[in-house]
């Protein structure tokens, strides 16, 4: 499998194991981003006096 990660940036000839590694890495980054998003939303609520 080939995967275009960014425009004109390719990961080529990925087998099942390599693709699974890519998915695991992306999932870990998404977990961090989701946590950051929730922390940002909470900080905005606190700043606006909506919640603690």
PDB file of N, CA and C in Angstrom:
ATOM      1  N   UNK A   1       0.835  -1.155   0.000  1.00  0.00           N
ATOM      2  CA  UNK A   1       0.000   0.000   0.000  1.00  0.00           C
ATOM      3  C   UNK A   1       0.884   1.222   0.000  1.00  0.00           C
ATOM      4  N   UNK A   2       0.437   2.271  -0.662  1.00  0.00           N
ATOM      5  CA  UNK A   2       1.104   3.575  -0.606  1.00  0.00           C
ATOM      6  C   UNK A   2       0.144   4.562   0.037  1.00  0.00           C
ATOM      7  N   UNK A   3       0.680   5.453   0.842  1.00  0.00           N
ATOM      8  CA  UNK A   3      -0.135   6.397   1.598  1.00  0.00           C
ATOM      9  C   UNK A   3       0.444   7.787   1.418  1.00  0.00           C
ATOM     10  N   UNK A   4      -0.367   8.723   0.936  1.00  0.00           N
ATOM     11  CA  UNK A   4       0.083  10.104   0.815  1.00  0.00           C
ATOM     12  C   UNK A   4      -0.163  10.782   2.157  1.00  0.00           C
ATOM     13  N   UNK A   5       0.910  11.060   2.877  1.00  0.00           N
ATOM     14  CA  UNK A   5       0.825  11.605   4.220  1.00  0.00           C
ATOM     15  C   UNK A   5       0.549  13.103   4.167  1.00  0.00           C
ATOM     16  N   UNK A   6       1.242  13.792   3.328  1.00  0.00           N
ATOM     17  CA  UNK A   6       1.062  15.207   3.042  1.00  0.00           C
ATOM     18  C   UNK A   6       1.056  15.335   1.534  1.00  0.00           C
ATOM     19  N   UNK A   7       0.727  16.493   1.042  1.00  0.00           N
ATOM     20  CA  UNK A   7       0.754  16.682  -0.401  1.00  0.00           C
ATOM     21  C   UNK A   7       2.148  16.377  -0.931  1.00  0.00           C
ATOM     22  N   UNK A   8       2.227  15.428  -1.822  1.00  0.00           N
ATOM     23  CA  UNK A   8       3.477  14.996  -2.456  1.00  0.00           C
ATOM     24  C   UNK A   8       4.470  14.343  -1.496  1.00  0.00           C
ATOM     25  N   UNK A   9       4.025  13.903  -0.342  1.00  0.00           N
ATOM     26  CA  UNK A   9       4.868  13.154   0.600  1.00  0.00           C
ATOM     27  C   UNK A   9       4.236  11.785   0.787  1.00  0.00           C
ATOM     28  N   UNK A  10       4.926  10.764   0.286  1.00  0.00           N
ATOM     29  CA  UNK A  10       4.360   9.424   0.259  1.00  0.00           C
ATOM     30  C   UNK A  10       5.122   8.458   1.159  1.00  0.00           C
ATOM     31  N   UNK A  11       4.392   7.533   1.748  1.00  0.00           N
ATOM     32  CA  UNK A  11       4.964   6.350   2.393  1.00  0.00           C
ATOM     33  C   UNK A  11       4.608   5.210   1.448  1.00  0.00           C
ATOM     34  N   UNK A  12       5.597   4.613   0.825  1.00  0.00           N
ATOM     35  CA  UNK A  12       5.347   3.640  -0.225  1.00  0.00           C
ATOM     36  C   UNK A  12       5.646   2.226   0.242  1.00  0.00           C
ATOM     37  N   UNK A  13       4.980   1.298  -0.402  1.00  0.00           N
ATOM     38  CA  UNK A  13       5.211  -0.135  -0.210  1.00  0.00           C
ATOM     39  C   UNK A  13       5.024  -0.565   1.247  1.00  0.00           C
ATOM     40  N   UNK A  14       3.963  -0.070   1.873  1.00  0.00           N
ATOM     41  CA  UNK A  14       3.673  -0.475   3.248  1.00  0.00           C
ATOM     42  C   UNK A  14       2.990  -1.834   3.247  1.00  0.00           C
ATOM     43  N   UNK A  15       3.522  -2.734   4.028  1.00  0.00           N
ATOM     44  CA  UNK A  15       2.866  -4.014   4.245  1.00  0.00           C
ATOM     45  C   UNK A  15       1.898  -3.881   5.410  1.00  0.00           C
ATOM     46  N   UNK A  16       1.190  -4.940   5.737  1.00  0.00           N
ATOM     47  CA  UNK A  16       0.231  -4.877   6.840  1.00  0.00           C
ATOM     48  C   UNK A  16       0.854  -4.441   8.165  1.00  0.00           C
ATOM     49  N   UNK A  17       2.028  -4.925   8.473  1.00  0.00           N
ATOM     50  CA  UNK A  17       2.690  -4.571   9.730  1.00  0.00           C
ATOM     51  C   UNK A  17       3.086  -3.098   9.759  1.00  0.00           C
ATOM     52  N   UNK A  18       3.636  -2.625   8.659  1.00  0.00           N
ATOM     53  CA  UNK A  18       4.046  -1.206   8.596  1.00  0.00           C
ATOM     54  C   UNK A  18       2.831  -0.297   8.656  1.00  0.00           C
ATOM     55  N   UNK A  19       1.751  -0.667   7.975  1.00  0.00           N
ATOM     56  CA  UNK A  19       0.540   0.140   8.021  1.00  0.00           C
ATOM     57  C   UNK A  19      -0.046   0.154   9.432  1.00  0.00           C
ATOM     58  N   UNK A  20      -0.015  -0.981  10.107  1.00  0.00           N
ATOM     59  CA  UNK A  20      -0.490  -1.048  11.492  1.00  0.00           C
ATOM     60  C   UNK A  20       0.330  -0.117  12.383  1.00  0.00           C
ATOM     61  N   UNK A  21       1.633  -0.030  12.158  1.00  0.00           N
ATOM     62  CA  UNK A  21       2.490   0.885  12.921  1.00  0.00           C
ATOM     63  C   UNK A  21       2.097   2.343  12.663  1.00  0.00           C
ATOM     64  N   UNK A  22       1.815   2.675  11.410  1.00  0.00           N
ATOM     65  CA  UNK A  22       1.393   4.030  11.070  1.00  0.00           C
ATOM     66  C   UNK A  22       0.073   4.361  11.770  1.00  0.00           C
ATOM     67  N   UNK A  23      -0.863   3.433  11.730  1.00  0.00           N
ATOM     68  CA  UNK A  23      -2.166   3.640  12.373  1.00  0.00           C
ATOM     69  C   UNK A  23      -1.996   3.839  13.875  1.00  0.00           C
ATOM     70  N   UNK A  24      -1.150   3.030  14.488  1.00  0.00           N
ATOM     71  CA  UNK A  24      -0.907   3.148  15.925  1.00  0.00           C
ATOM     72  C   UNK A  24      -0.311   4.515  16.265  1.00  0.00           C
ATOM     73  N   UNK A  25       0.621   4.984  15.450  1.00  0.00           N
ATOM     74  CA  UNK A  25       1.240   6.292  15.683  1.00  0.00           C
ATOM     75  C   UNK A  25       0.221   7.411  15.536  1.00  0.00           C
ATOM     76  N   UNK A  26      -0.590   7.345  14.489  1.00  0.00           N
ATOM     77  CA  UNK A  26      -1.620   8.370  14.269  1.00  0.00           C
ATOM     78  C   UNK A  26      -2.625   8.359  15.420  1.00  0.00           C
ATOM     79  N   UNK A  27      -3.040   7.172  15.847  1.00  0.00           N
ATOM     80  CA  UNK A  27      -3.993   7.055  16.953  1.00  0.00           C
ATOM     81  C   UNK A  27      -3.437   7.688  18.226  1.00  0.00           C
ATOM     82  N   UNK A  28      -2.166   7.474  18.508  1.00  0.00           N
ATOM     83  CA  UNK A  28      -1.540   8.070  19.700  1.00  0.00           C
ATOM     84  C   UNK A  28      -1.542   9.590  19.609  1.00  0.00           C
ATOM     85  N   UNK A  29      -1.251  10.121  18.427  1.00  0.00           N
ATOM     86  CA  UNK A  29      -1.279  11.573  18.250  1.00  0.00           C
ATOM     87  C   UNK A  29      -2.699  12.110  18.401  1.00  0.00           C
ATOM     88  N   UNK A  30      -3.691  11.385  17.895  1.00  0.00           N
ATOM     89  CA  UNK A  30      -5.077  11.810  18.030  1.00  0.00           C
ATOM     90  C   UNK A  30      -5.515  11.818  19.487  1.00  0.00           C
ATOM     91  N   UNK A  31      -5.070  10.835  20.262  1.00  0.00           N
ATOM     92  CA  UNK A  31      -5.386  10.805  21.687  1.00  0.00           C
ATOM     93  C   UNK A  31      -4.864  12.058  22.378  1.00  0.00           C
ATOM     94  N   UNK A  32      -3.651  12.449  22.048  1.00  0.00           N
ATOM     95  CA  UNK A  32      -3.059  13.657  22.632  1.00  0.00           C
ATOM     96  C   UNK A  32      -3.859  14.893  22.221  1.00  0.00           C
ATOM     97  N   UNK A  33      -4.220  14.981  20.945  1.00  0.00           N
ATOM     98  CA  UNK A  33      -4.986  16.125  20.460  1.00  0.00           C
ATOM     99  C   UNK A  33      -6.371  16.195  21.093  1.00  0.00           C
ATOM    100  N   UNK A  34      -7.035  15.045  21.269  1.00  0.00           N
ATOM    101  CA  UNK A  34      -8.350  15.035  21.908  1.00  0.00           C
ATOM    102  C   UNK A  34      -8.257  15.518  23.345  1.00  0.00           C
ATOM    103  N   UNK A  35      -7.224  15.080  24.058  1.00  0.00           N
ATOM    104  CA  UNK A  35      -7.019  15.530  25.426  1.00  0.00           C
ATOM    105  C   UNK A  35      -6.756  17.025  25.472  1.00  0.00           C
ATOM    106  N   UNK A  36      -5.941  17.508  24.568  1.00  0.00           N
ATOM    107  CA  UNK A  36      -5.634  18.932  24.506  1.00  0.00           C
ATOM    108  C   UNK A  36      -6.887  19.742  24.196  1.00  0.00           C
ATOM    109  N   UNK A  37      -7.709  19.240  23.291  1.00  0.00           N
ATOM    110  CA  UNK A  37      -8.950  19.916  22.927  1.00  0.00           C
ATOM    111  C   UNK A  37      -9.863  20.053  24.149  1.00  0.00           C
ATOM    112  N   UNK A  38     -10.013  18.979  24.911  1.00  0.00           N
ATOM    113  CA  UNK A  38     -10.858  19.027  26.105  1.00  0.00           C
ATOM    114  C   UNK A  38     -10.293  19.992  27.137  1.00  0.00           C
ATOM    115  N   UNK A  39      -8.974  19.998  27.306  1.00  0.00           N
ATOM    116  CA  UNK A  39      -8.354  20.931  28.255  1.00  0.00           C
ATOM    117  C   UNK A  39      -8.571  22.375  27.815  1.00  0.00           C
ATOM    118  N   UNK A  40      -8.485  22.636  26.519  1.00  0.00           N
ATOM    119  CA  UNK A  40      -8.730  23.974  25.995  1.00  0.00           C
ATOM    120  C   UNK A  40     -10.179  24.388  26.225  1.00  0.00           C
ATOM    121  N   UNK A  41     -11.115  23.490  25.954  1.00  0.00           N
ATOM    122  CA  UNK A  41     -12.532  23.789  26.165  1.00  0.00           C
ATOM    123  C   UNK A  41     -12.797  24.090  27.637  1.00  0.00           C
ATOM    124  N   UNK A  42     -12.203  23.308  28.532  1.00  0.00           N
ATOM    125  CA  UNK A  42     -12.375  23.544  29.971  1.00  0.00           C
ATOM    126  C   UNK A  42     -11.770  24.885  30.374  1.00  0.00           C
ATOM    127  N   UNK A  43     -10.600  25.206  29.865  1.00  0.00           N
ATOM    128  CA  UNK A  43      -9.963  26.486  30.187  1.00  0.00           C
ATOM    129  C   UNK A  43     -10.834  27.655  29.714  1.00  0.00           C
ATOM    130  N   UNK A  44     -11.457  27.538  28.542  1.00  0.00           N
ATOM    131  CA  UNK A  44     -12.347  28.595  28.050  1.00  0.00           C
ATOM    132  C   UNK A  44     -13.575  28.748  28.942  1.00  0.00           C
ATOM    133  N   UNK A  45     -14.132  27.609  29.388  1.00  0.00           N
ATOM    134  CA  UNK A  45     -15.287  27.683  30.280  1.00  0.00           C
ATOM    135  C   UNK A  45     -14.926  28.390  31.571  1.00  0.00           C
ATOM    136  N   UNK A  46     -13.769  28.030  32.122  1.00  0.00           N
ATOM    137  CA  UNK A  46     -13.325  28.657  33.372  1.00  0.00           C
ATOM    138  C   UNK A  46     -13.080  30.153  33.141  1.00  0.00           C
ATOM    139  N   UNK A  47     -12.419  30.493  32.060  1.00  0.00           N
ATOM    140  CA  UNK A  47     -12.123  31.897  31.740  1.00  0.00           C
ATOM    141  C   UNK A  47     -13.414  32.711  31.616  1.00  0.00           C
ATOM    142  N   UNK A  48     -14.419  32.114  30.999  1.00  0.00           N
ATOM    143  CA  UNK A  48     -15.697  32.818  30.795  1.00  0.00           C
ATOM    144  C   UNK A  48     -16.607  32.722  32.024  1.00  0.00           C
ATOM    145  N   UNK A  49     -16.161  32.002  33.042  1.00  0.00           N
ATOM    146  CA  UNK A  49     -16.948  31.885  34.263  1.00  0.00           C
ATOM    147  C   UNK A  49     -18.141  30.949  34.128  1.00  0.00           C
ATOM    148  N   UNK A  50     -18.071  30.047  33.156  1.00  0.00           N
ATOM    149  CA  UNK A  50     -19.189  29.149  32.903  1.00  0.00           C
ATOM    150  C   UNK A  50     -19.105  27.892  33.765  1.00  0.00           C
ATOM    151  N   UNK A  51     -17.935  27.476  34.101  1.00  0.00           N
ATOM    152  CA  UNK A  51     -17.782  26.250  34.888  1.00  0.00           C
ATOM    153  C   UNK A  51     -16.411  26.163  35.502  1.00  0.00           C
ATOM    154  N   UNK A  52     -16.273  25.195  36.354  1.00  0.00           N
ATOM    155  CA  UNK A  52     -14.985  25.020  37.029  1.00  0.00           C
ATOM    156  C   UNK A  52     -14.277  23.796  36.545  1.00  0.00           C
TER     157      UNK A  52
END
